[in-house]
Amino acid sequence: MSRVLRTLCACAVLLGFGAHTWAADPDTVAVISSEASAYLEAFTAFQKAYGAPVRLYNAAKGRPEIPKEAKTVVAFGSRAASQNYPSRLNLIYTMAPGFRLDSKTREGKSVHISVLPDFGLILSKLKALQPGLKKLYIFWTLREFDQYLESGAARGAELGIEVKAVRARTTEELPALLRQSLADMDAFWLPPDPFLLNAETLTLLREFSWGNSVPFYAPTKGITREGATASVAVSFSEMGISAAKSVKAVHEGSSPAAVIHPDRVELTLNRVSAKKCRLEPGDAALRQVDQFFP
């Protein structure tokens, strides 16, 4: 897809048009949850990787009217993914933490592009930053992370890291759980849990980390910007690229995994936070960092 066409597509969304239809591939449509730059970035990368223009709908403007000839919907965000699509359609969705589709109720194939990479990749990056990391605590609320965290325990054992997951039933429990774990942890990490990560808890987590010199590892670079020590994250563009690969696989008759964890990540480091946590990565680890804050 040309740069001009991508620009026109983004402009169509920003101007409030529901879809663009010029020379569009009839088999695939895309739906974004809003005009937020993250969704547009992911869609642009998807469009480029897919190699053909597709109709684009903005779920914030109303329910998308999917053409009858369409075979696959690519949804960016929870609002886009949770629309009442015909069950015959294949649904590839991403950027939707907290949302899971019940594939048993659908005829078409469903593929979730996770916002998280393989847990082993996260742990290997953190180990490079903090070679003395022996015990990593994880705090979460959503049950959807259970299986992912179980895999983390096994991957951690391979790297000599004990991964201990502690579930917080409410955000009010978080301060006490942090205090109870302090004497035993070398660092802590949180998944992109929308019920646990908000402005109030981010302040709490940052102050706990800085005040006790314990690295706080985040699931997104945005949280690193706000004071977390570092993050290992999948970029919005990579999510879009992975979605394009999944669509092509489905149309070619393959059956991609129900959940795909992209294997290309971005490592970010907050210099101020690292200093407050007495974290001094070596030169080899610093060369792996894709972006520094501040």
C-alpha atoms as a PDB file:
ATOM      1  CA  MET A   1       0.000   0.000   0.000  1.00  0.00           C
ATOM      2  CA  SER A   2       1.432   3.389  -1.003  1.00  0.00           C
ATOM      3  CA  ARG A   3       2.230   6.143   1.492  1.00  0.00           C
ATOM      4  CA  VAL A   4      -0.394   8.347  -0.176  1.00  0.00           C
ATOM      5  CA  LEU A   5      -3.092   5.717   0.268  1.00  0.00           C
ATOM      6  CA  ARG A   6      -2.121   5.160   3.905  1.00  0.00           C
ATOM      7  CA  THR A   7      -2.320   8.889   4.506  1.00  0.00           C
ATOM      8  CA  LEU A   8      -5.723   9.077   2.844  1.00  0.00           C
ATOM      9  CA  CYS A   9      -6.889   6.175   4.990  1.00  0.00           C
ATOM     10  CA  ALA A  10      -5.804   7.917   8.190  1.00  0.00           C
ATOM     11  CA  CYS A  11      -7.387  11.154   7.008  1.00  0.00           C
ATOM     12  CA  ALA A  12     -10.635   9.339   6.282  1.00  0.00           C
ATOM     13  CA  VAL A  13     -10.770   8.179   9.885  1.00  0.00           C
ATOM     14  CA  LEU A  14      -9.864  11.578  11.279  1.00  0.00           C
ATOM     15  CA  LEU A  15     -12.531  13.233   9.143  1.00  0.00           C
ATOM     16  CA  GLY A  16     -15.119  10.784  10.450  1.00  0.00           C
ATOM     17  CA  PHE A  17     -15.753   8.675   7.357  1.00  0.00           C
ATOM     18  CA  GLY A  18     -16.873   5.175   8.240  1.00  0.00           C
ATOM     19  CA  ALA A  19     -14.855   3.378   5.581  1.00  0.00           C
ATOM     20  CA  HIS A  20     -12.781   3.775   2.480  1.00  0.00           C
ATOM     21  CA  THR A  21     -13.658   1.601  -0.471  1.00  0.00           C
ATOM     22  CA  TRP A  22     -11.289   2.484  -3.305  1.00  0.00           C
ATOM     23  CA  ALA A  23      -9.884  -0.752  -4.790  1.00  0.00           C
ATOM     24  CA  ALA A  24     -10.506  -2.423  -1.446  1.00  0.00           C
ATOM     25  CA  ASP A  25      -9.890  -6.120  -0.923  1.00  0.00           C
ATOM     26  CA  PRO A  26     -13.402  -7.608  -0.608  1.00  0.00           C
ATOM     27  CA  ASP A  27     -12.250 -10.398   1.712  1.00  0.00           C
ATOM     28  CA  THR A  28     -10.939  -8.321   4.620  1.00  0.00           C
ATOM     29  CA  VAL A  29     -12.115  -5.300   6.609  1.00  0.00           C
ATOM     30  CA  ALA A  30     -10.493  -3.545   9.549  1.00  0.00           C
ATOM     31  CA  VAL A  31     -12.164  -1.949  12.571  1.00  0.00           C
ATOM     32  CA  ILE A  32     -10.444   0.406  15.016  1.00  0.00           C
ATOM     33  CA  SER A  33     -11.827   1.294  18.430  1.00  0.00           C
ATOM     34  CA  SER A  34     -11.201   5.024  18.069  1.00  0.00           C
ATOM     35  CA  GLU A  35      -9.023   7.617  16.362  1.00  0.00           C
ATOM     36  CA  ALA A  36      -6.265   7.171  18.960  1.00  0.00           C
ATOM     37  CA  SER A  37      -2.797   7.227  17.432  1.00  0.00           C
ATOM     38  CA  ALA A  38      -1.985   3.750  18.773  1.00  0.00           C
ATOM     39  CA  TYR A  39      -4.772   2.137  16.744  1.00  0.00           C
ATOM     40  CA  LEU A  40      -3.842   4.101  13.636  1.00  0.00           C
ATOM     41  CA  GLU A  41      -0.200   3.091  14.022  1.00  0.00           C
ATOM     42  CA  ALA A  42      -1.150  -0.572  14.302  1.00  0.00           C
ATOM     43  CA  PHE A  43      -3.562  -0.351  11.370  1.00  0.00           C
ATOM     44  CA  THR A  44      -0.991   1.395   9.163  1.00  0.00           C
ATOM     45  CA  ALA A  45       1.539  -1.361   9.848  1.00  0.00           C
ATOM     46  CA  PHE A  46      -1.150  -3.986   9.199  1.00  0.00           C
ATOM     47  CA  GLN A  47      -2.092  -2.360   5.893  1.00  0.00           C
ATOM     48  CA  LYS A  48       1.519  -2.235   4.719  1.00  0.00           C
ATOM     49  CA  ALA A  49       2.198  -5.853   5.693  1.00  0.00           C
ATOM     50  CA  TYR A  50      -1.080  -7.058   4.191  1.00  0.00           C
ATOM     51  CA  GLY A  51      -0.157  -5.535   0.851  1.00  0.00           C
ATOM     52  CA  ALA A  52      -3.640  -4.493  -0.323  1.00  0.00           C
ATOM     53  CA  PRO A  53      -6.050  -1.737   0.774  1.00  0.00           C
ATOM     54  CA  VAL A  54      -8.912  -2.777   3.015  1.00  0.00           C
ATOM     55  CA  ARG A  55     -12.073  -1.054   4.173  1.00  0.00           C
ATOM     56  CA  LEU A  56     -11.556   0.688   7.489  1.00  0.00           C
ATOM     57  CA  TYR A  57     -14.302   1.336  10.056  1.00  0.00           C
ATOM     58  CA  ASN A  58     -14.209   3.354  13.261  1.00  0.00           C
ATOM     59  CA  ALA A  59     -16.263   1.672  15.987  1.00  0.00           C
ATOM     60  CA  ALA A  60     -16.436   4.957  17.899  1.00  0.00           C
ATOM     61  CA  LYS A  61     -18.643   6.309  15.079  1.00  0.00           C
ATOM     62  CA  GLY A  62     -21.200   3.530  15.432  1.00  0.00           C
ATOM     63  CA  ARG A  63     -21.648  -0.144  14.705  1.00  0.00           C
ATOM     64  CA  PRO A  64     -19.661  -1.194  11.602  1.00  0.00           C
ATOM     65  CA  GLU A  65     -21.791  -2.469   8.721  1.00  0.00           C
ATOM     66  CA  ILE A  66     -19.650  -5.305   7.440  1.00  0.00           C
ATOM     67  CA  PRO A  67     -20.175  -6.108   3.726  1.00  0.00           C
ATOM     68  CA  LYS A  68     -21.719  -9.490   2.997  1.00  0.00           C
ATOM     69  CA  GLU A  69     -18.778 -10.522   0.825  1.00  0.00           C
ATOM     70  CA  ALA A  70     -16.236 -10.014   3.638  1.00  0.00           C
ATOM     71  CA  LYS A  71     -14.578 -13.091   5.109  1.00  0.00           C
ATOM     72  CA  THR A  72     -12.364 -11.640   7.839  1.00  0.00           C
ATOM     73  CA  VAL A  73     -12.471  -8.768  10.305  1.00  0.00           C
ATOM     74  CA  VAL A  74      -9.287  -7.394  11.839  1.00  0.00           C
ATOM     75  CA  ALA A  75     -10.114  -5.540  15.069  1.00  0.00           C
ATOM     76  CA  PHE A  76      -7.836  -3.136  16.927  1.00  0.00           C
ATOM     77  CA  GLY A  77      -8.896  -2.566  20.547  1.00  0.00           C
ATOM     78  CA  SER A  78     -11.548  -3.995  22.852  1.00  0.00           C
ATOM     79  CA  ARG A  79     -14.393  -1.884  21.485  1.00  0.00           C
ATOM     80  CA  ALA A  80     -13.639  -3.017  17.952  1.00  0.00           C
ATOM     81  CA  ALA A  81     -13.178  -6.648  18.967  1.00  0.00           C
ATOM     82  CA  SER A  82     -16.396  -6.855  20.991  1.00  0.00           C
ATOM     83  CA  GLN A  83     -18.757  -5.792  18.212  1.00  0.00           C
ATOM     84  CA  ASN A  84     -21.525  -8.262  17.350  1.00  0.00           C
ATOM     85  CA  TYR A  85     -19.982  -9.663  14.188  1.00  0.00           C
ATOM     86  CA  PRO A  86     -21.638 -12.479  12.218  1.00  0.00           C
ATOM     87  CA  SER A  87     -20.290 -15.785  13.499  1.00  0.00           C
ATOM     88  CA  ARG A  88     -19.326 -16.846   9.957  1.00  0.00           C
ATOM     89  CA  LEU A  89     -16.544 -14.227   9.870  1.00  0.00           C
ATOM     90  CA  ASN A  90     -12.961 -14.920  10.823  1.00  0.00           C
ATOM     91  CA  LEU A  91     -11.916 -12.506  13.561  1.00  0.00           C
ATOM     92  CA  ILE A  92      -8.323 -11.449  14.149  1.00  0.00           C
ATOM     93  CA  TYR A  93      -8.072  -9.074  17.103  1.00  0.00           C
ATOM     94  CA  THR A  94      -5.362  -7.294  19.058  1.00  0.00           C
ATOM     95  CA  MET A  95      -4.735  -4.443  21.535  1.00  0.00           C
ATOM     96  CA  ALA A  96      -7.615  -5.747  23.632  1.00  0.00           C
ATOM     97  CA  PRO A  97      -6.379  -6.606  27.159  1.00  0.00           C
ATOM     98  CA  GLY A  98      -9.231  -7.833  29.304  1.00  0.00           C
ATOM     99  CA  PHE A  99     -11.258  -9.090  26.340  1.00  0.00           C
ATOM    100  CA  ARG A 100     -11.415 -12.718  25.236  1.00  0.00           C
ATOM    101  CA  LEU A 101     -13.642 -14.099  22.538  1.00  0.00           C
ATOM    102  CA  ASP A 102     -15.441 -17.386  23.043  1.00  0.00           C
ATOM    103  CA  SER A 103     -14.364 -19.192  19.896  1.00  0.00           C
ATOM    104  CA  LYS A 104     -16.795 -22.051  20.584  1.00  0.00           C
ATOM    105  CA  THR A 105     -19.736 -19.807  19.672  1.00  0.00           C
ATOM    106  CA  ARG A 106     -18.329 -18.888  16.271  1.00  0.00           C
ATOM    107  CA  GLU A 107     -18.083 -20.634  12.912  1.00  0.00           C
ATOM    108  CA  GLY A 108     -15.169 -18.559  11.677  1.00  0.00           C
ATOM    109  CA  LYS A 109     -11.636 -18.776  13.019  1.00  0.00           C
ATOM    110  CA  SER A 110     -10.564 -16.529  15.879  1.00  0.00           C
ATOM    111  CA  VAL A 111      -6.999 -15.401  16.521  1.00  0.00           C
ATOM    112  CA  HIS A 112      -5.910 -13.189  19.397  1.00  0.00           C
ATOM    113  CA  ILE A 113      -2.683 -11.245  18.786  1.00  0.00           C
ATOM    114  CA  SER A 114      -1.436 -10.725  22.326  1.00  0.00           C
ATOM    115  CA  VAL A 115       0.020  -7.445  23.538  1.00  0.00           C
ATOM    116  CA  LEU A 116       2.576  -9.577  25.394  1.00  0.00           C
ATOM    117  CA  PRO A 117       5.564 -11.414  23.921  1.00  0.00           C
ATOM    118  CA  ASP A 118       6.612 -14.887  25.015  1.00  0.00           C
ATOM    119  CA  PHE A 119       7.342 -14.730  28.750  1.00  0.00           C
ATOM    120  CA  GLY A 120      10.787 -16.215  28.255  1.00  0.00           C
ATOM    121  CA  LEU A 121      11.725 -13.277  26.053  1.00  0.00           C
ATOM    122  CA  ILE A 122      10.654 -10.818  28.758  1.00  0.00           C
ATOM    123  CA  LEU A 123      12.656 -12.654  31.394  1.00  0.00           C
ATOM    124  CA  SER A 124      15.798 -12.903  29.268  1.00  0.00           C
ATOM    125  CA  LYS A 125      15.739  -9.139  28.652  1.00  0.00           C
ATOM    126  CA  LEU A 126      15.202  -8.391  32.346  1.00  0.00           C
ATOM    127  CA  LYS A 127      18.008 -10.781  33.296  1.00  0.00           C
ATOM    128  CA  ALA A 128      20.343  -8.899  30.956  1.00  0.00           C
ATOM    129  CA  LEU A 129      19.439  -5.609  32.647  1.00  0.00           C
ATOM    130  CA  GLN A 130      19.602  -7.064  36.158  1.00  0.00           C
ATOM    131  CA  PRO A 131      21.990 -10.058  36.233  1.00  0.00           C
ATOM    132  CA  GLY A 132      21.354 -10.516  39.963  1.00  0.00           C
ATOM    133  CA  LEU A 133      17.635 -11.053  39.415  1.00  0.00           C
ATOM    134  CA  LYS A 134      16.713 -14.219  41.321  1.00  0.00           C
ATOM    135  CA  LYS A 135      13.125 -13.634  42.428  1.00  0.00           C
ATOM    136  CA  LEU A 136      10.575 -11.723  40.374  1.00  0.00           C
ATOM    137  CA  TYR A 137       7.164 -10.959  41.849  1.00  0.00           C
ATOM    138  CA  ILE A 138       4.167 -10.437  39.593  1.00  0.00           C
ATOM    139  CA  PHE A 139       0.954  -8.724  40.660  1.00  0.00           C
ATOM    140  CA  TRP A 140      -2.242  -9.159  38.650  1.00  0.00           C
ATOM    141  CA  THR A 141      -6.028  -9.401  38.898  1.00  0.00           C
ATOM    142  CA  LEU A 142      -7.448 -10.795  35.630  1.00  0.00           C
ATOM    143  CA  ARG A 143      -7.795 -14.576  35.429  1.00  0.00           C
ATOM    144  CA  GLU A 144      -7.008 -14.435  31.719  1.00  0.00           C
ATOM    145  CA  PHE A 145      -3.327 -14.088  32.659  1.00  0.00           C
ATOM    146  CA  ASP A 146      -3.281 -17.357  34.637  1.00  0.00           C
ATOM    147  CA  GLN A 147      -1.970 -19.586  31.864  1.00  0.00           C
ATOM    148  CA  TYR A 148       0.534 -16.977  30.716  1.00  0.00           C
ATOM    149  CA  LEU A 149       1.950 -16.595  34.222  1.00  0.00           C
ATOM    150  CA  GLU A 150       2.147 -20.362  34.637  1.00  0.00           C
ATOM    151  CA  SER A 151       4.357 -20.480  31.547  1.00  0.00           C
ATOM    152  CA  GLY A 152       6.457 -17.723  33.104  1.00  0.00           C
ATOM    153  CA  ALA A 153       7.288 -19.896  36.097  1.00  0.00           C
ATOM    154  CA  ALA A 154       8.671 -22.605  33.837  1.00  0.00           C
ATOM    155  CA  ARG A 155      10.622 -20.166  31.675  1.00  0.00           C
ATOM    156  CA  GLY A 156      11.985 -18.435  34.739  1.00  0.00           C
ATOM    157  CA  ALA A 157      13.350 -21.704  36.094  1.00  0.00           C
ATOM    158  CA  GLU A 158      15.385 -22.082  32.907  1.00  0.00           C
ATOM    159  CA  LEU A 159      17.048 -18.721  33.602  1.00  0.00           C
ATOM    160  CA  GLY A 160      17.492 -19.201  37.328  1.00  0.00           C
ATOM    161  CA  ILE A 161      14.648 -16.802  38.168  1.00  0.00           C
ATOM    162  CA  GLU A 162      11.898 -17.740  40.593  1.00  0.00           C
ATOM    163  CA  VAL A 163       8.681 -16.200  39.308  1.00  0.00           C
ATOM    164  CA  LYS A 164       6.104 -15.704  42.025  1.00  0.00           C
ATOM    165  CA  ALA A 165       2.631 -14.526  40.958  1.00  0.00           C
ATOM    166  CA  VAL A 166       0.488 -12.793  43.557  1.00  0.00           C
ATOM    167  CA  ARG A 167      -3.126 -12.086  42.649  1.00  0.00           C
ATOM    168  CA  ALA A 168      -4.702  -8.890  43.940  1.00  0.00           C
ATOM    169  CA  ARG A 169      -8.463  -9.216  44.081  1.00  0.00           C
ATOM    170  CA  THR A 170      -8.825  -5.423  44.274  1.00  0.00           C
ATOM    171  CA  THR A 171      -6.535  -2.435  43.827  1.00  0.00           C
ATOM    172  CA  GLU A 172      -7.010  -1.706  47.538  1.00  0.00           C
ATOM    173  CA  GLU A 173      -5.056  -4.885  48.337  1.00  0.00           C
ATOM    174  CA  LEU A 174      -2.014  -3.821  46.334  1.00  0.00           C
ATOM    175  CA  PRO A 175      -0.191  -1.688  48.972  1.00  0.00           C
ATOM    176  CA  ALA A 176      -0.322  -4.488  51.558  1.00  0.00           C
ATOM    177  CA  LEU A 177       0.796  -7.103  49.035  1.00  0.00           C
ATOM    178  CA  LEU A 178       3.769  -4.970  48.041  1.00  0.00           C
ATOM    179  CA  ARG A 179       4.819  -4.501  51.662  1.00  0.00           C
ATOM    180  CA  GLN A 180       4.448  -8.215  52.421  1.00  0.00           C
ATOM    181  CA  SER A 181       6.629  -9.143  49.439  1.00  0.00           C
ATOM    182  CA  LEU A 182       9.345  -6.510  49.872  1.00  0.00           C
ATOM    183  CA  ALA A 183      11.815  -8.571  51.904  1.00  0.00           C
ATOM    184  CA  ASP A 184      11.691 -11.415  49.381  1.00  0.00           C
ATOM    185  CA  MET A 185      11.733  -9.703  45.961  1.00  0.00           C
ATOM    186  CA  ASP A 186      14.523  -8.547  43.679  1.00  0.00           C
ATOM    187  CA  ALA A 187      12.077  -6.826  41.315  1.00  0.00           C
ATOM    188  CA  PHE A 188       8.416  -6.866  40.336  1.00  0.00           C
ATOM    189  CA  TRP A 189       6.449  -6.848  37.075  1.00  0.00           C
ATOM    190  CA  LEU A 190       2.830  -6.261  36.095  1.00  0.00           C
ATOM    191  CA  PRO A 191       0.980  -7.440  32.973  1.00  0.00           C
ATOM    192  CA  PRO A 192      -1.197  -4.957  31.041  1.00  0.00           C
ATOM    193  CA  ASP A 193      -4.039  -5.442  33.498  1.00  0.00           C
ATOM    194  CA  PRO A 194      -6.579  -2.619  32.995  1.00  0.00           C
ATOM    195  CA  PHE A 195      -8.124  -3.303  36.399  1.00  0.00           C
ATOM    196  CA  LEU A 196      -4.815  -2.892  38.225  1.00  0.00           C
ATOM    197  CA  LEU A 197      -2.992  -0.202  36.252  1.00  0.00           C
ATOM    198  CA  ASN A 198      -4.365   3.324  36.560  1.00  0.00           C
ATOM    199  CA  ALA A 199      -3.054   6.772  37.477  1.00  0.00           C
ATOM    200  CA  GLU A 200      -3.390   6.122  41.206  1.00  0.00           C
ATOM    201  CA  THR A 201      -1.735   2.707  41.249  1.00  0.00           C
ATOM    202  CA  LEU A 202       1.065   3.868  38.926  1.00  0.00           C
ATOM    203  CA  THR A 203       1.968   6.535  41.458  1.00  0.00           C
ATOM    204  CA  LEU A 204       1.894   3.910  44.219  1.00  0.00           C
ATOM    205  CA  LEU A 205       4.056   1.470  42.253  1.00  0.00           C
ATOM    206  CA  ARG A 206       6.586   4.127  41.270  1.00  0.00           C
ATOM    207  CA  GLU A 207       6.931   5.454  44.827  1.00  0.00           C
ATOM    208  CA  PHE A 208       7.260   1.927  46.234  1.00  0.00           C
ATOM    209  CA  SER A 209       9.921   1.097  43.649  1.00  0.00           C
ATOM    210  CA  TRP A 210      11.944   4.273  44.139  1.00  0.00           C
ATOM    211  CA  GLY A 211      11.564   4.366  47.918  1.00  0.00           C
ATOM    212  CA  ASN A 212      12.781   0.779  48.336  1.00  0.00           C
ATOM    213  CA  SER A 213      15.251   0.601  45.420  1.00  0.00           C
ATOM    214  CA  VAL A 214      13.348  -2.286  43.855  1.00  0.00           C
ATOM    215  CA  PRO A 215      13.049  -2.233  40.034  1.00  0.00           C
ATOM    216  CA  PHE A 216       9.495  -1.975  38.697  1.00  0.00           C
ATOM    217  CA  TYR A 217       9.196  -3.635  35.272  1.00  0.00           C
ATOM    218  CA  ALA A 218       6.255  -2.608  33.114  1.00  0.00           C
ATOM    219  CA  PRO A 219       4.336  -4.109  30.159  1.00  0.00           C
ATOM    220  CA  THR A 220       4.459  -0.929  28.005  1.00  0.00           C
ATOM    221  CA  LYS A 221       6.930   1.828  27.263  1.00  0.00           C
ATOM    222  CA  GLY A 222       4.308   4.413  28.228  1.00  0.00           C
ATOM    223  CA  ILE A 223       4.496   3.203  31.821  1.00  0.00           C
ATOM    224  CA  THR A 224       8.287   3.348  31.655  1.00  0.00           C
ATOM    225  CA  ARG A 225       7.946   6.979  30.642  1.00  0.00           C
ATOM    226  CA  GLU A 226       5.878   7.526  33.798  1.00  0.00           C
ATOM    227  CA  GLY A 227       8.566   6.128  36.083  1.00  0.00           C
ATOM    228  CA  ALA A 228       8.769   2.351  35.790  1.00  0.00           C
ATOM    229  CA  THR A 229      12.340   1.117  35.568  1.00  0.00           C
ATOM    230  CA  ALA A 230      12.077  -0.686  32.238  1.00  0.00           C
ATOM    231  CA  SER A 231       9.669  -2.457  29.924  1.00  0.00           C
ATOM    232  CA  VAL A 232       9.800  -5.266  27.397  1.00  0.00           C
ATOM    233  CA  ALA A 233       6.884  -4.679  25.059  1.00  0.00           C
ATOM    234  CA  VAL A 234       5.436  -5.471  21.671  1.00  0.00           C
ATOM    235  CA  SER A 235       5.097  -2.322  19.565  1.00  0.00           C
ATOM    236  CA  PHE A 236       1.769  -1.295  18.062  1.00  0.00           C
ATOM    237  CA  SER A 237       3.305  -1.731  14.621  1.00  0.00           C
ATOM    238  CA  GLU A 238       4.394  -5.274  15.411  1.00  0.00           C
ATOM    239  CA  MET A 239       0.849  -6.134  16.519  1.00  0.00           C
ATOM    240  CA  GLY A 240      -0.429  -4.903  13.166  1.00  0.00           C
ATOM    241  CA  ILE A 241       2.191  -6.901  11.270  1.00  0.00           C
ATOM    242  CA  SER A 242       1.321 -10.044  13.228  1.00  0.00           C
ATOM    243  CA  ALA A 243      -2.361  -9.487  12.451  1.00  0.00           C
ATOM    244  CA  ALA A 244      -1.576  -9.275   8.727  1.00  0.00           C
ATOM    245  CA  LYS A 245       0.381 -12.534   8.851  1.00  0.00           C
ATOM    246  CA  SER A 246      -2.524 -14.235  10.610  1.00  0.00           C
ATOM    247  CA  VAL A 247      -5.058 -13.026   8.042  1.00  0.00           C
ATOM    248  CA  LYS A 248      -2.907 -14.339   5.205  1.00  0.00           C
ATOM    249  CA  ALA A 249      -2.497 -17.685   6.959  1.00  0.00           C
ATOM    250  CA  VAL A 250      -6.258 -18.027   7.493  1.00  0.00           C
ATOM    251  CA  HIS A 251      -7.021 -17.149   3.858  1.00  0.00           C
ATOM    252  CA  GLU A 252      -4.451 -19.694   2.696  1.00  0.00           C
ATOM    253  CA  GLY A 253      -6.257 -22.414   4.656  1.00  0.00           C
ATOM    254  CA  SER A 254      -3.918 -22.619   7.646  1.00  0.00           C
ATOM    255  CA  SER A 255      -5.029 -22.611  11.262  1.00  0.00           C
ATOM    256  CA  PRO A 256      -2.932 -20.173  13.303  1.00  0.00           C
ATOM    257  CA  ALA A 257      -2.705 -20.620  17.063  1.00  0.00           C
ATOM    258  CA  ALA A 258      -5.636 -19.211  19.005  1.00  0.00           C
ATOM    259  CA  VAL A 259      -3.233 -16.860  20.804  1.00  0.00           C
ATOM    260  CA  ILE A 260      -0.112 -15.472  19.168  1.00  0.00           C
ATOM    261  CA  HIS A 261       2.675 -13.797  21.135  1.00  0.00           C
ATOM    262  CA  PRO A 262       4.774 -11.661  18.741  1.00  0.00           C
ATOM    263  CA  ASP A 263       8.493 -12.368  18.996  1.00  0.00           C
ATOM    264  CA  ARG A 264       9.818  -8.882  18.203  1.00  0.00           C
ATOM    265  CA  VAL A 265       9.975  -6.553  21.198  1.00  0.00           C
ATOM    266  CA  GLU A 266      11.106  -3.094  22.258  1.00  0.00           C
ATOM    267  CA  LEU A 267      13.198  -2.669  25.398  1.00  0.00           C
ATOM    268  CA  THR A 268      12.899   0.706  27.129  1.00  0.00           C
ATOM    269  CA  LEU A 269      14.783   1.983  30.172  1.00  0.00           C
ATOM    270  CA  ASN A 270      14.073   4.927  32.470  1.00  0.00           C
ATOM    271  CA  ARG A 271      17.463   6.302  33.527  1.00  0.00           C
ATOM    272  CA  VAL A 272      16.098   8.147  36.557  1.00  0.00           C
ATOM    273  CA  SER A 273      14.268   5.095  37.846  1.00  0.00           C
ATOM    274  CA  ALA A 274      17.255   2.843  37.219  1.00  0.00           C
ATOM    275  CA  LYS A 275      19.439   5.165  39.289  1.00  0.00           C
ATOM    276  CA  LYS A 276      16.932   5.301  42.147  1.00  0.00           C
ATOM    277  CA  CYS A 277      16.764   1.493  42.110  1.00  0.00           C
ATOM    278  CA  ARG A 278      20.577   1.212  42.021  1.00  0.00           C
ATOM    279  CA  LEU A 279      20.355  -0.651  38.748  1.00  0.00           C
ATOM    280  CA  GLU A 280      23.517  -0.332  36.681  1.00  0.00           C
ATOM    281  CA  PRO A 281      23.194  -2.346  33.452  1.00  0.00           C
ATOM    282  CA  GLY A 282      26.413  -3.220  31.678  1.00  0.00           C
ATOM    283  CA  ASP A 283      27.366  -1.948  28.230  1.00  0.00           C
ATOM    284  CA  ALA A 284      26.102  -5.118  26.517  1.00  0.00           C
ATOM    285  CA  ALA A 285      22.674  -4.719  28.127  1.00  0.00           C
ATOM    286  CA  LEU A 286      22.506  -1.011  27.314  1.00  0.00           C
ATOM    287  CA  ARG A 287      23.156  -1.780  23.647  1.00  0.00           C
ATOM    288  CA  GLN A 288      19.943  -3.820  23.653  1.00  0.00           C
ATOM    289  CA  VAL A 289      17.861  -0.849  24.815  1.00  0.00           C
ATOM    290  CA  ASP A 290      15.712   0.592  22.025  1.00  0.00           C
ATOM    291  CA  GLN A 291      14.629   3.759  23.862  1.00  0.00           C
ATOM    292  CA  PHE A 292      15.681   5.640  26.966  1.00  0.00           C
ATOM    293  CA  PHE A 293      13.552   7.853  29.244  1.00  0.00           C
ATOM    294  CA  PRO A 294      13.782  10.662  30.132  1.00  0.00           C
END
